[in-house]
N, C-alpha and C. Protein backbone atom coordinates (compact mmCIF):
# COMPACT_ATOMS: atom_id res chain seq x y z
N MET A 1 -107.37 147.74 -70.27
CA MET A 1 -105.77 147.41 -70.22
C MET A 1 -105.64 145.91 -69.25
N ASN A 2 -104.24 145.54 -69.53
CA ASN A 2 -104.06 144.52 -68.58
C ASN A 2 -103.63 144.71 -67.34
N ARG A 3 -103.38 144.05 -66.50
CA ARG A 3 -102.53 144.46 -65.10
C ARG A 3 -101.60 143.51 -64.83
N LYS A 4 -100.80 143.84 -64.42
CA LYS A 4 -99.93 142.47 -64.30
C LYS A 4 -99.76 141.98 -62.39
N HIS A 5 -100.34 140.71 -62.44
CA HIS A 5 -100.52 140.44 -60.84
C HIS A 5 -99.14 139.72 -60.12
N SER A 6 -98.69 140.08 -59.33
CA SER A 6 -97.59 139.54 -58.34
C SER A 6 -98.40 138.08 -58.08
N ASN A 7 -97.23 136.53 -58.22
CA ASN A 7 -97.86 135.75 -57.50
C ASN A 7 -97.48 135.46 -56.24
N ASN A 8 -98.25 135.98 -55.35
CA ASN A 8 -97.79 135.82 -53.98
C ASN A 8 -97.01 134.30 -53.23
N ALA A 9 -98.30 133.15 -53.57
CA ALA A 9 -98.23 131.73 -53.37
C ALA A 9 -96.82 131.68 -53.98
N GLY A 10 -96.41 131.77 -54.71
CA GLY A 10 -95.39 131.32 -55.47
C GLY A 10 -94.31 131.92 -55.03
N PHE A 11 -93.96 132.98 -54.77
CA PHE A 11 -93.00 133.46 -53.80
C PHE A 11 -92.47 132.59 -52.65
N THR A 12 -93.92 132.53 -51.86
CA THR A 12 -93.85 132.05 -50.43
C THR A 12 -92.89 129.95 -50.43
N VAL A 13 -93.74 129.72 -51.64
CA VAL A 13 -93.35 128.52 -51.03
C VAL A 13 -91.16 128.08 -52.17
N VAL A 14 -91.20 129.35 -52.61
CA VAL A 14 -89.95 129.39 -53.28
C VAL A 14 -88.89 129.73 -52.03
N GLU A 15 -88.95 130.76 -51.40
CA GLU A 15 -88.54 131.12 -49.54
C GLU A 15 -88.83 130.70 -48.72
N ALA A 16 -89.91 129.56 -48.84
CA ALA A 16 -89.99 128.31 -47.74
C ALA A 16 -88.62 127.44 -48.11
N LEU A 17 -88.67 126.80 -49.16
CA LEU A 17 -87.49 125.90 -50.00
C LEU A 17 -86.51 126.43 -49.61
N LEU A 18 -85.98 127.88 -49.73
CA LEU A 18 -84.95 128.49 -49.28
C LEU A 18 -84.27 128.48 -48.31
N ILE A 19 -85.42 128.59 -47.38
CA ILE A 19 -85.27 128.86 -45.60
C ILE A 19 -85.06 127.29 -45.33
N LEU A 20 -85.78 126.05 -45.86
CA LEU A 20 -85.35 124.88 -45.58
C LEU A 20 -83.84 123.88 -45.85
N ILE A 21 -83.48 124.79 -47.13
CA ILE A 21 -82.11 124.45 -47.67
C ILE A 21 -81.46 124.91 -47.29
N PHE A 22 -81.23 126.39 -46.31
CA PHE A 22 -80.44 127.18 -45.54
C PHE A 22 -79.98 126.30 -44.30
N LEU A 23 -81.44 126.45 -43.16
CA LEU A 23 -81.95 125.16 -42.39
C LEU A 23 -80.87 123.60 -42.38
N ALA A 24 -81.19 123.46 -43.43
CA ALA A 24 -80.08 121.73 -44.12
C ALA A 24 -78.59 122.15 -44.10
N ILE A 25 -78.24 122.82 -44.78
CA ILE A 25 -77.09 123.19 -44.68
C ILE A 25 -76.09 123.47 -43.04
N VAL A 26 -76.92 124.79 -42.19
CA VAL A 26 -76.45 124.91 -40.94
C VAL A 26 -76.58 123.44 -40.22
N GLY A 27 -77.73 122.68 -40.44
CA GLY A 27 -77.83 121.67 -39.77
C GLY A 27 -76.68 120.90 -39.87
N PHE A 28 -76.57 120.96 -41.30
CA PHE A 28 -75.23 119.05 -41.63
C PHE A 28 -73.68 119.70 -41.26
N ALA A 29 -73.45 121.00 -41.04
CA ALA A 29 -72.36 121.75 -40.64
C ALA A 29 -72.71 121.76 -38.78
N GLY A 30 -73.08 121.78 -38.70
CA GLY A 30 -72.99 121.65 -37.03
C GLY A 30 -72.85 120.40 -36.51
N TYR A 31 -73.44 119.46 -37.33
CA TYR A 31 -73.21 118.07 -37.17
C TYR A 31 -71.81 117.28 -37.35
N TYR A 32 -71.51 117.94 -38.38
CA TYR A 32 -70.16 117.95 -38.59
C TYR A 32 -68.83 118.16 -37.86
N VAL A 33 -69.34 119.01 -37.41
CA VAL A 33 -68.26 119.90 -36.31
C VAL A 33 -68.73 119.10 -35.22
N TRP A 34 -69.52 118.92 -34.92
CA TRP A 34 -70.25 118.02 -33.69
C TRP A 34 -69.06 116.77 -33.67
N HIS A 35 -69.25 116.38 -34.90
CA HIS A 35 -68.95 114.93 -34.93
C HIS A 35 -67.31 114.70 -34.81
N GLN A 36 -66.92 115.71 -35.72
CA GLN A 36 -65.32 115.59 -35.65
C GLN A 36 -64.73 116.05 -34.32
N GLN A 37 -65.42 117.04 -33.53
CA GLN A 37 -64.96 117.43 -32.12
C GLN A 37 -65.22 115.93 -31.32
N LYS A 38 -65.79 115.21 -31.25
CA LYS A 38 -66.26 114.64 -30.39
C LYS A 38 -65.47 112.66 -31.10
N GLY A 39 -64.55 112.42 -32.22
CA GLY A 39 -63.51 112.28 -32.59
C GLY A 39 -62.30 112.24 -31.86
N THR A 40 -61.67 113.50 -31.83
CA THR A 40 -60.66 114.40 -31.45
C THR A 40 -60.82 114.05 -29.61
N ASP A 41 -61.73 114.04 -29.02
CA ASP A 41 -61.64 113.98 -27.84
C ASP A 41 -61.72 112.70 -27.37
N LYS A 42 -61.67 111.34 -28.52
CA LYS A 42 -61.96 110.08 -28.04
C LYS A 42 -60.33 109.86 -28.07
N THR A 43 -59.44 109.87 -29.48
CA THR A 43 -58.26 109.97 -29.22
C THR A 43 -57.65 110.53 -28.43
N GLY A 44 -57.82 111.77 -28.06
CA GLY A 44 -57.02 112.12 -26.67
C GLY A 44 -57.29 111.95 -25.72
N ASP A 45 -58.33 110.79 -25.18
CA ASP A 45 -58.47 110.36 -24.06
C ASP A 45 -57.49 108.85 -23.98
N ALA A 46 -57.39 108.32 -25.75
CA ALA A 46 -56.66 107.16 -25.41
C ALA A 46 -55.30 107.51 -25.42
N THR A 47 -54.46 108.61 -26.36
CA THR A 47 -53.58 109.22 -25.75
C THR A 47 -52.88 109.03 -24.46
N LYS A 48 -54.14 109.96 -23.51
CA LYS A 48 -53.82 110.37 -22.31
C LYS A 48 -53.73 109.27 -21.50
N THR A 49 -54.02 108.08 -21.56
CA THR A 49 -54.29 106.35 -21.08
C THR A 49 -53.60 105.56 -21.30
N SER A 50 -52.82 105.69 -22.80
CA SER A 50 -51.81 105.18 -22.92
C SER A 50 -50.23 105.69 -22.19
N SER A 51 -50.38 107.14 -22.16
CA SER A 51 -49.19 108.03 -21.77
C SER A 51 -49.10 107.38 -19.97
N GLN A 52 -50.49 107.72 -19.63
CA GLN A 52 -50.60 107.12 -17.97
C GLN A 52 -50.25 105.56 -17.83
N SER A 53 -50.47 104.76 -18.55
CA SER A 53 -49.82 103.63 -18.51
C SER A 53 -48.11 103.10 -18.63
N ALA A 54 -47.78 103.90 -19.70
CA ALA A 54 -46.27 103.86 -19.64
C ALA A 54 -45.31 104.94 -18.66
N LYS A 55 -46.33 106.36 -18.22
CA LYS A 55 -45.68 106.28 -16.85
C LYS A 55 -45.75 105.24 -16.28
N ILE A 56 -46.70 104.65 -15.57
CA ILE A 56 -47.06 103.61 -14.11
C ILE A 56 -46.13 102.47 -14.62
N ALA A 57 -45.98 102.07 -15.86
CA ALA A 57 -44.61 101.08 -16.20
C ALA A 57 -43.32 101.60 -15.80
N SER A 58 -43.28 102.67 -16.12
CA SER A 58 -42.09 102.65 -15.94
C SER A 58 -41.01 103.35 -14.45
N GLN A 59 -42.89 103.42 -13.64
CA GLN A 59 -41.98 103.74 -12.66
C GLN A 59 -41.88 102.57 -11.40
N LYS A 60 -42.14 101.14 -12.28
CA LYS A 60 -41.77 99.35 -11.06
C LYS A 60 -40.46 99.17 -11.16
N PRO A 61 -40.07 99.40 -10.20
CA PRO A 61 -38.97 99.03 -9.76
C PRO A 61 -38.81 97.28 -10.71
N THR A 62 -37.30 97.27 -11.05
CA THR A 62 -36.65 96.06 -11.63
C THR A 62 -37.02 94.96 -11.31
N THR A 63 -36.60 94.66 -9.81
CA THR A 63 -36.74 93.89 -8.91
C THR A 63 -37.09 94.09 -7.31
N SER A 64 -38.03 93.58 -6.80
CA SER A 64 -38.84 93.85 -5.24
C SER A 64 -39.29 92.64 -5.02
N ASN A 65 -40.01 92.87 -3.97
CA ASN A 65 -40.75 91.60 -3.38
C ASN A 65 -42.08 91.59 -3.49
N GLN A 66 -42.32 91.51 -5.02
CA GLN A 66 -43.45 91.65 -5.47
C GLN A 66 -43.81 90.43 -5.94
N LYS A 67 -45.06 90.35 -7.33
CA LYS A 67 -45.32 89.74 -7.56
C LYS A 67 -44.40 88.15 -8.76
N TYR A 68 -43.32 89.68 -9.09
CA TYR A 68 -42.62 89.03 -10.13
C TYR A 68 -40.99 89.88 -9.96
N VAL A 69 -39.62 88.95 -9.97
CA VAL A 69 -39.12 89.48 -10.61
C VAL A 69 -38.41 89.57 -11.97
N THR A 70 -38.00 90.64 -12.11
CA THR A 70 -37.79 90.85 -13.83
C THR A 70 -36.79 91.42 -14.38
N ILE A 71 -35.78 90.61 -15.02
CA ILE A 71 -34.81 91.24 -15.31
C ILE A 71 -35.25 91.68 -17.04
N PRO A 72 -35.51 93.07 -17.08
CA PRO A 72 -36.03 93.38 -18.73
C PRO A 72 -34.42 93.05 -19.61
N GLN A 73 -33.30 93.47 -19.18
CA GLN A 73 -32.18 93.10 -20.47
C GLN A 73 -32.06 92.31 -20.96
N TRP A 74 -32.26 90.85 -20.24
CA TRP A 74 -32.59 89.55 -20.36
C TRP A 74 -33.81 89.13 -20.92
N GLY A 75 -34.65 89.79 -20.77
CA GLY A 75 -35.93 89.35 -21.46
C GLY A 75 -36.60 88.21 -20.55
N VAL A 76 -36.59 88.18 -19.34
CA VAL A 76 -36.81 87.29 -18.21
C VAL A 76 -37.56 87.61 -17.16
N LYS A 77 -38.22 86.89 -16.22
CA LYS A 77 -38.96 86.94 -15.02
C LYS A 77 -39.20 85.80 -14.17
N ALA A 78 -39.28 85.94 -12.88
CA ALA A 78 -39.92 84.39 -12.42
C ALA A 78 -40.48 85.30 -10.94
N SER A 79 -41.41 84.37 -10.92
CA SER A 79 -42.60 84.38 -9.81
C SER A 79 -41.29 85.07 -8.53
N TYR A 80 -41.93 85.27 -7.47
CA TYR A 80 -41.24 85.97 -6.53
C TYR A 80 -42.39 85.73 -5.02
N ASP A 81 -42.67 85.04 -4.31
CA ASP A 81 -43.67 85.50 -2.75
C ASP A 81 -42.65 85.58 -2.14
N GLY A 82 -41.44 85.79 -1.84
CA GLY A 82 -40.71 86.20 -0.62
C GLY A 82 -40.84 86.43 0.02
N SER A 83 -40.14 87.26 1.46
CA SER A 83 -39.75 88.26 1.95
C SER A 83 -39.31 89.17 2.04
N LEU A 84 -37.83 88.75 1.03
CA LEU A 84 -37.05 89.80 1.09
C LEU A 84 -37.39 91.07 -0.14
N THR A 85 -36.79 91.70 0.25
CA THR A 85 -36.59 93.27 -1.14
C THR A 85 -35.30 92.71 -1.94
N LEU A 86 -35.64 92.28 -2.70
CA LEU A 86 -34.06 91.77 -3.67
C LEU A 86 -33.89 93.01 -5.12
N SER A 87 -32.98 93.26 -5.16
CA SER A 87 -32.50 93.97 -6.24
C SER A 87 -31.33 93.43 -6.97
N TYR A 88 -30.85 94.00 -8.10
CA TYR A 88 -29.66 93.22 -8.60
C TYR A 88 -29.08 94.14 -9.38
N THR A 89 -27.57 94.03 -9.69
CA THR A 89 -26.69 94.91 -10.49
C THR A 89 -26.46 93.79 -11.84
N LEU A 90 -26.16 94.25 -13.02
CA LEU A 90 -25.27 93.09 -14.45
C LEU A 90 -23.68 93.42 -14.36
N GLU A 91 -23.21 92.36 -14.70
CA GLU A 91 -21.74 92.70 -14.32
C GLU A 91 -21.70 91.69 -15.51
N LEU A 92 -19.96 92.07 -15.63
CA LEU A 92 -19.37 90.94 -17.14
C LEU A 92 -20.25 91.25 -18.37
N ASN A 93 -19.96 92.68 -18.63
CA ASN A 93 -20.86 92.73 -19.96
C ASN A 93 -22.73 92.10 -20.27
N ASN A 94 -23.28 92.37 -18.82
CA ASN A 94 -24.55 92.04 -18.58
C ASN A 94 -24.74 90.62 -18.55
N ALA A 95 -23.44 89.42 -18.52
CA ALA A 95 -23.72 88.31 -17.91
C ALA A 95 -24.06 87.56 -16.75
N VAL A 96 -23.92 88.57 -16.02
CA VAL A 96 -24.35 88.24 -14.75
C VAL A 96 -25.25 89.08 -13.97
N ALA A 97 -26.21 88.55 -13.10
CA ALA A 97 -27.15 89.42 -12.35
C ALA A 97 -26.65 89.14 -10.73
N ARG A 98 -25.73 89.81 -9.93
CA ARG A 98 -25.80 90.07 -8.99
C ARG A 98 -26.75 90.22 -7.97
N PHE A 99 -27.22 89.59 -7.04
CA PHE A 99 -28.31 89.99 -5.85
C PHE A 99 -27.69 90.54 -4.68
N SER A 100 -28.88 91.72 -4.45
CA SER A 100 -28.93 92.08 -2.82
C SER A 100 -30.34 92.23 -2.13
N ALA A 101 -29.99 92.17 -1.02
CA ALA A 101 -31.14 92.10 -0.86
C ALA A 101 -31.25 93.51 0.70
N LYS A 102 -32.45 94.36 0.47
CA LYS A 102 -32.22 95.46 1.47
C LYS A 102 -32.02 94.99 2.81
N GLN A 103 -32.62 94.00 3.28
CA GLN A 103 -33.02 93.48 4.73
C GLN A 103 -31.08 93.00 4.96
N MET A 104 -30.64 92.54 4.56
CA MET A 104 -29.43 92.36 4.73
C MET A 104 -28.32 93.80 4.70
N ASP A 105 -28.49 94.26 4.27
CA ASP A 105 -28.26 96.31 4.11
C ASP A 105 -28.23 96.68 4.94
N ASP A 106 -29.84 96.98 5.42
CA ASP A 106 -30.48 97.33 6.90
C ASP A 106 -29.48 97.07 8.29
N LEU A 107 -29.45 95.72 8.26
CA LEU A 107 -28.95 94.86 9.32
C LEU A 107 -27.29 95.64 9.55
N VAL A 108 -27.02 96.03 8.67
CA VAL A 108 -25.49 96.42 8.62
C VAL A 108 -25.04 97.33 8.65
N ALA A 109 -26.44 98.34 8.55
CA ALA A 109 -26.13 100.17 7.75
C ALA A 109 -25.18 100.73 8.80
N ASP A 110 -24.53 100.18 10.67
CA ASP A 110 -24.41 101.14 11.19
C ASP A 110 -22.71 100.72 11.67
N SER A 111 -22.40 99.66 10.91
CA SER A 111 -21.25 98.98 10.68
C SER A 111 -20.53 99.22 9.37
N SER A 112 -19.07 98.78 9.29
CA SER A 112 -18.26 98.84 8.49
C SER A 112 -18.66 97.71 6.95
N THR A 113 -19.41 96.85 7.70
CA THR A 113 -19.67 95.62 7.03
C THR A 113 -20.42 95.84 5.58
N SER A 114 -20.51 95.48 4.60
CA SER A 114 -20.87 95.48 2.86
C SER A 114 -21.39 94.34 2.82
N CYS A 115 -22.99 94.55 2.39
CA CYS A 115 -23.53 92.95 2.00
C CYS A 115 -24.12 93.16 0.49
N THR A 116 -24.12 94.61 0.18
CA THR A 116 -24.13 94.47 -1.29
C THR A 116 -23.68 93.17 -2.30
N GLY A 117 -24.76 92.65 -3.12
CA GLY A 117 -23.95 91.71 -3.78
C GLY A 117 -24.05 90.71 -3.11
N TYR A 118 -24.31 90.20 -2.25
CA TYR A 118 -24.22 89.01 -1.31
C TYR A 118 -25.37 88.11 -1.65
N ALA A 119 -26.06 88.00 -2.07
CA ALA A 119 -27.68 87.27 -2.20
C ALA A 119 -27.63 86.29 -2.95
N GLY A 120 -26.29 86.12 -4.05
CA GLY A 120 -26.49 85.22 -4.89
C GLY A 120 -26.30 86.01 -6.55
N SER A 121 -25.80 85.30 -7.30
CA SER A 121 -25.89 85.32 -8.42
C SER A 121 -26.69 84.67 -9.71
N ILE A 122 -26.92 85.44 -10.70
CA ILE A 122 -27.77 84.17 -11.52
C ILE A 122 -26.92 84.77 -12.99
N ALA A 123 -25.84 83.91 -13.70
CA ALA A 123 -25.15 83.81 -14.66
C ALA A 123 -26.05 83.09 -16.12
N ARG A 124 -25.35 83.84 -17.27
CA ARG A 124 -26.56 83.73 -18.21
C ARG A 124 -25.86 83.30 -19.28
N VAL A 125 -25.62 82.06 -20.36
CA VAL A 125 -24.37 81.58 -20.99
C VAL A 125 -25.23 81.11 -21.93
N SER A 126 -24.85 81.23 -22.94
CA SER A 126 -25.15 80.57 -24.61
C SER A 126 -24.90 79.17 -24.36
N GLY A 127 -25.51 77.93 -25.51
CA GLY A 127 -25.19 76.69 -25.10
C GLY A 127 -23.77 76.17 -25.67
N ASP A 128 -23.62 77.14 -26.60
CA ASP A 128 -21.99 76.63 -27.54
C ASP A 128 -20.80 76.99 -26.49
N GLU A 129 -21.03 77.69 -24.78
CA GLU A 129 -19.93 78.40 -23.94
C GLU A 129 -19.68 77.14 -23.54
N TYR A 130 -18.03 76.57 -23.27
CA TYR A 130 -17.75 75.78 -22.35
C TYR A 130 -18.17 75.83 -20.71
N THR A 131 -18.22 74.73 -19.69
CA THR A 131 -18.40 75.03 -18.31
C THR A 131 -16.65 75.38 -18.15
N GLU A 132 -16.82 75.94 -16.82
CA GLU A 132 -15.19 76.40 -15.91
C GLU A 132 -14.66 75.36 -16.30
N ASP A 133 -14.29 74.10 -16.45
CA ASP A 133 -13.35 72.89 -16.24
C ASP A 133 -12.61 72.63 -17.95
N HIS A 134 -14.07 73.29 -18.65
CA HIS A 134 -13.81 73.14 -20.07
C HIS A 134 -13.49 71.68 -20.93
N SER A 135 -14.77 71.10 -19.78
CA SER A 135 -14.44 69.34 -20.25
C SER A 135 -15.97 69.37 -21.61
N GLU A 136 -17.01 70.16 -21.31
CA GLU A 136 -17.86 70.13 -22.17
C GLU A 136 -18.75 71.38 -22.39
N THR A 137 -20.05 71.51 -23.23
CA THR A 137 -20.39 72.97 -23.42
C THR A 137 -20.90 72.77 -22.46
N VAL A 138 -21.88 73.69 -22.20
CA VAL A 138 -23.09 74.18 -21.36
C VAL A 138 -24.24 73.66 -22.07
N ALA A 139 -24.53 73.14 -22.61
CA ALA A 139 -25.95 72.66 -23.47
C ALA A 139 -24.96 71.10 -23.02
N GLN A 140 -24.30 70.80 -23.25
CA GLN A 140 -23.81 68.93 -22.55
C GLN A 140 -24.03 69.17 -21.32
N ALA A 141 -23.78 70.00 -20.82
CA ALA A 141 -23.88 70.01 -19.04
C ALA A 141 -25.32 69.77 -18.83
N ALA A 142 -26.11 70.60 -19.39
CA ALA A 142 -27.38 70.83 -18.40
C ALA A 142 -28.41 69.29 -19.34
N ALA A 143 -27.94 69.12 -20.15
CA ALA A 143 -28.49 67.70 -20.80
C ALA A 143 -28.37 66.51 -19.92
N ALA A 144 -27.00 66.86 -18.88
CA ALA A 144 -26.54 65.63 -18.53
C ALA A 144 -27.02 66.22 -16.80
N ASN A 145 -27.07 67.77 -16.29
CA ASN A 145 -27.69 67.79 -15.65
C ASN A 145 -28.85 69.13 -15.21
N SER A 146 -30.31 68.59 -15.51
CA SER A 146 -30.90 69.73 -16.17
C SER A 146 -31.91 70.60 -14.88
N ALA A 147 -31.26 69.91 -13.59
CA ALA A 147 -31.53 70.77 -12.36
C ALA A 147 -30.55 72.02 -12.38
N ALA A 148 -29.52 71.92 -12.55
CA ALA A 148 -28.33 72.91 -12.56
C ALA A 148 -28.64 73.97 -13.71
N TYR A 149 -29.39 74.08 -14.57
CA TYR A 149 -30.01 74.89 -15.42
C TYR A 149 -31.02 75.26 -15.88
N THR A 150 -31.20 76.53 -16.36
CA THR A 150 -32.87 76.81 -16.64
C THR A 150 -32.70 77.53 -18.03
N LYS A 151 -33.27 76.85 -19.13
CA LYS A 151 -33.06 76.96 -20.57
C LYS A 151 -34.72 78.18 -21.03
N VAL A 152 -34.19 78.84 -21.47
CA VAL A 152 -35.22 80.16 -21.99
C VAL A 152 -34.66 80.82 -23.22
N GLY A 153 -35.20 80.42 -23.86
CA GLY A 153 -34.89 81.09 -25.69
C GLY A 153 -33.96 80.49 -25.83
N ASN A 154 -32.55 81.18 -26.14
CA ASN A 154 -31.37 80.27 -26.25
C ASN A 154 -30.19 80.80 -25.43
N TYR A 155 -30.34 80.87 -24.72
CA TYR A 155 -29.85 81.28 -23.07
C TYR A 155 -30.16 80.26 -21.87
N TYR A 156 -29.02 79.96 -21.40
CA TYR A 156 -29.15 79.02 -19.97
C TYR A 156 -28.75 79.33 -19.16
N TYR A 157 -29.45 79.56 -17.83
CA TYR A 157 -29.71 80.43 -16.71
C TYR A 157 -29.01 79.48 -15.71
N GLN A 158 -27.76 80.03 -14.87
CA GLN A 158 -27.96 79.31 -13.73
C GLN A 158 -27.45 80.24 -12.69
N PHE A 159 -27.38 79.44 -11.00
CA PHE A 159 -27.50 79.99 -9.88
C PHE A 159 -26.43 80.12 -9.63
N GLN A 160 -25.63 80.99 -8.79
CA GLN A 160 -23.78 80.91 -8.62
C GLN A 160 -24.13 81.62 -6.81
N HIS A 161 -23.92 80.57 -5.85
CA HIS A 161 -24.02 80.92 -4.85
C HIS A 161 -22.64 81.89 -4.06
N ALA A 162 -23.26 83.01 -3.75
CA ALA A 162 -22.30 84.06 -2.91
C ALA A 162 -21.18 82.71 -2.30
N GLN A 163 -19.99 83.53 -2.41
CA GLN A 163 -18.79 82.91 -2.08
C GLN A 163 -18.19 82.84 -1.40
N ALA A 164 -18.84 83.71 -0.56
CA ALA A 164 -18.26 84.17 1.14
C ALA A 164 -19.18 85.23 1.99
N ALA A 165 -19.39 84.96 2.89
CA ALA A 165 -19.88 86.16 3.74
C ALA A 165 -19.70 87.33 3.64
N CYS A 166 -20.65 88.43 3.93
CA CYS A 166 -20.90 90.12 3.63
C CYS A 166 -18.95 90.48 4.05
N GLU A 167 -19.23 91.28 3.31
CA GLU A 167 -17.48 92.30 3.49
C GLU A 167 -17.34 92.94 4.90
N GLY A 168 -16.02 92.86 4.88
CA GLY A 168 -16.07 93.86 6.52
C GLY A 168 -15.17 93.19 7.19
N PRO A 169 -14.35 94.12 8.07
CA PRO A 169 -13.10 93.82 8.47
C PRO A 169 -13.12 92.69 9.74
N ASN A 170 -12.08 92.42 9.63
CA ASN A 170 -12.04 90.86 10.20
C ASN A 170 -10.87 91.26 11.46
N PRO A 171 -11.36 91.32 13.40
CA PRO A 171 -12.54 90.42 13.16
C PRO A 171 -13.55 91.56 12.83
N SER A 172 -14.93 90.90 12.73
CA SER A 172 -16.02 91.83 12.69
C SER A 172 -16.55 92.68 13.38
N ASP A 173 -16.84 93.82 13.29
CA ASP A 173 -17.00 94.56 14.09
C ASP A 173 -19.16 94.90 14.54
N LEU A 174 -19.72 93.67 13.97
CA LEU A 174 -21.10 93.36 14.24
C LEU A 174 -21.00 92.64 15.19
N SER A 175 -22.09 92.75 16.39
CA SER A 175 -22.46 91.93 17.39
C SER A 175 -22.51 90.73 17.05
N SER A 176 -22.31 89.25 18.32
CA SER A 176 -22.91 88.24 18.03
C SER A 176 -24.18 87.88 17.43
N ALA A 177 -25.14 88.63 17.97
CA ALA A 177 -26.49 88.75 17.69
C ALA A 177 -26.55 89.23 16.22
N LYS A 178 -26.21 90.41 15.57
CA LYS A 178 -26.62 90.67 14.51
C LYS A 178 -25.93 89.57 13.34
N GLU A 179 -24.85 89.17 13.83
CA GLU A 179 -24.00 88.14 13.05
C GLU A 179 -24.65 86.79 12.69
N ALA A 180 -25.65 86.70 13.94
CA ALA A 180 -26.59 84.93 13.61
C ALA A 180 -27.53 85.80 12.70
N GLN A 181 -28.11 86.93 12.68
CA GLN A 181 -29.63 87.22 11.74
C GLN A 181 -28.56 87.52 10.74
N LEU A 182 -27.65 87.84 10.08
CA LEU A 182 -27.01 88.35 8.83
C LEU A 182 -26.69 86.73 8.15
N GLU A 183 -26.11 85.99 8.79
CA GLU A 183 -26.58 84.18 8.26
C GLU A 183 -27.62 83.41 8.18
N THR A 184 -28.47 83.90 8.67
CA THR A 184 -30.03 83.76 8.42
C THR A 184 -30.32 84.24 7.20
N LEU A 185 -29.88 86.12 6.98
CA LEU A 185 -30.48 86.21 5.97
C LEU A 185 -29.76 85.82 4.52
N LEU A 186 -28.44 85.27 4.77
CA LEU A 186 -27.70 85.71 3.53
C LEU A 186 -27.99 83.98 3.37
N THR A 187 -28.67 83.32 3.99
CA THR A 187 -29.16 81.66 3.45
C THR A 187 -30.22 82.10 2.49
N GLN A 188 -31.01 82.88 3.71
CA GLN A 188 -32.76 82.83 3.01
C GLN A 188 -32.34 83.65 1.34
N ALA A 189 -31.80 84.63 1.34
CA ALA A 189 -31.40 85.53 0.04
C ALA A 189 -31.38 84.48 -1.08
N ASN A 190 -30.02 84.06 -0.86
CA ASN A 190 -29.39 82.85 -1.62
C ASN A 190 -30.56 81.91 -2.20
N ASN A 191 -31.07 80.93 -1.09
CA ASN A 191 -31.84 80.07 -1.62
C ASN A 191 -33.14 80.70 -2.31
N ASP A 192 -33.93 82.27 -1.86
CA ASP A 192 -34.49 82.74 -2.90
C ASP A 192 -34.17 83.03 -4.10
N VAL A 193 -32.76 83.58 -4.43
CA VAL A 193 -32.31 83.71 -6.00
C VAL A 193 -32.44 82.55 -6.36
N LYS A 194 -31.72 81.44 -5.80
CA LYS A 194 -31.67 79.85 -6.59
C LYS A 194 -33.00 79.49 -7.19
N SER A 195 -34.50 79.85 -6.50
CA SER A 195 -35.65 79.54 -6.67
C SER A 195 -36.11 80.51 -8.10
N ILE A 196 -35.42 81.32 -8.23
CA ILE A 196 -35.83 82.64 -9.38
C ILE A 196 -34.92 82.43 -10.21
N ALA A 197 -34.03 81.68 -10.34
CA ALA A 197 -33.13 80.69 -11.77
C ALA A 197 -33.88 80.14 -11.97
N ALA A 198 -34.16 78.94 -11.12
CA ALA A 198 -34.89 78.01 -11.60
C ALA A 198 -36.01 78.41 -12.30
N ASN A 199 -37.29 79.17 -11.98
CA ASN A 199 -38.58 79.39 -12.42
C ASN A 199 -38.19 80.57 -13.18
N LEU A 200 -37.23 80.97 -13.79
CA LEU A 200 -37.59 82.08 -14.95
C LEU A 200 -38.09 81.60 -15.82
N GLN A 201 -38.43 82.63 -17.35
CA GLN A 201 -39.36 82.49 -18.19
C GLN A 201 -39.26 83.76 -18.50
N ALA A 202 -39.31 83.45 -20.10
CA ALA A 202 -39.21 84.16 -20.95
C ALA A 202 -40.54 85.51 -20.38
N ILE A 203 -40.43 87.07 -20.55
CA ILE A 203 -41.39 88.22 -20.79
C ILE A 203 -41.65 88.08 -21.84
N ARG A 204 -43.32 88.21 -21.63
CA ARG A 204 -44.00 87.80 -22.88
C ARG A 204 -45.47 89.27 -22.63
């Protein structure tokens, strides 16, 4: 009578192969999950950095005594190393930027005098517009007197000096010492804005 014998060695090899395959599948699955998680972390870090940069950029003042005075509505900027803290408001459908100096405002803060908007102005005009006396176009005037205009892109920029001293009662309620300081600041502010107008360049 023949007896059947189990092939223990063969069973062991098959079992070992199954275990190896199982371990390989588990290892590959673990690596895939780890790799995907690492990629997600990098994307999250990049998003976080971008968000922080946008937040920092949005906190920058439009104009100040920093490296540049920037007028983003016009797409222009100019280097500025002056000591005054400048700001501006856009008027006449964004055609004129009227500047103010914090130092001037602070000097008259305890009086009825107002210096807001008296640090000079910059006007933006297109080349086909006419000058105030309607004798020629702005492009023609700029060609004849390039020092009076700064061309950036399709627009010409021109400095306009404040027409008068700061608004206040007559006679002034400022002391003679403050009036002298204010006159000095007024001249400095207008000179600074004139320099800004002359050095405008496109924001890149």
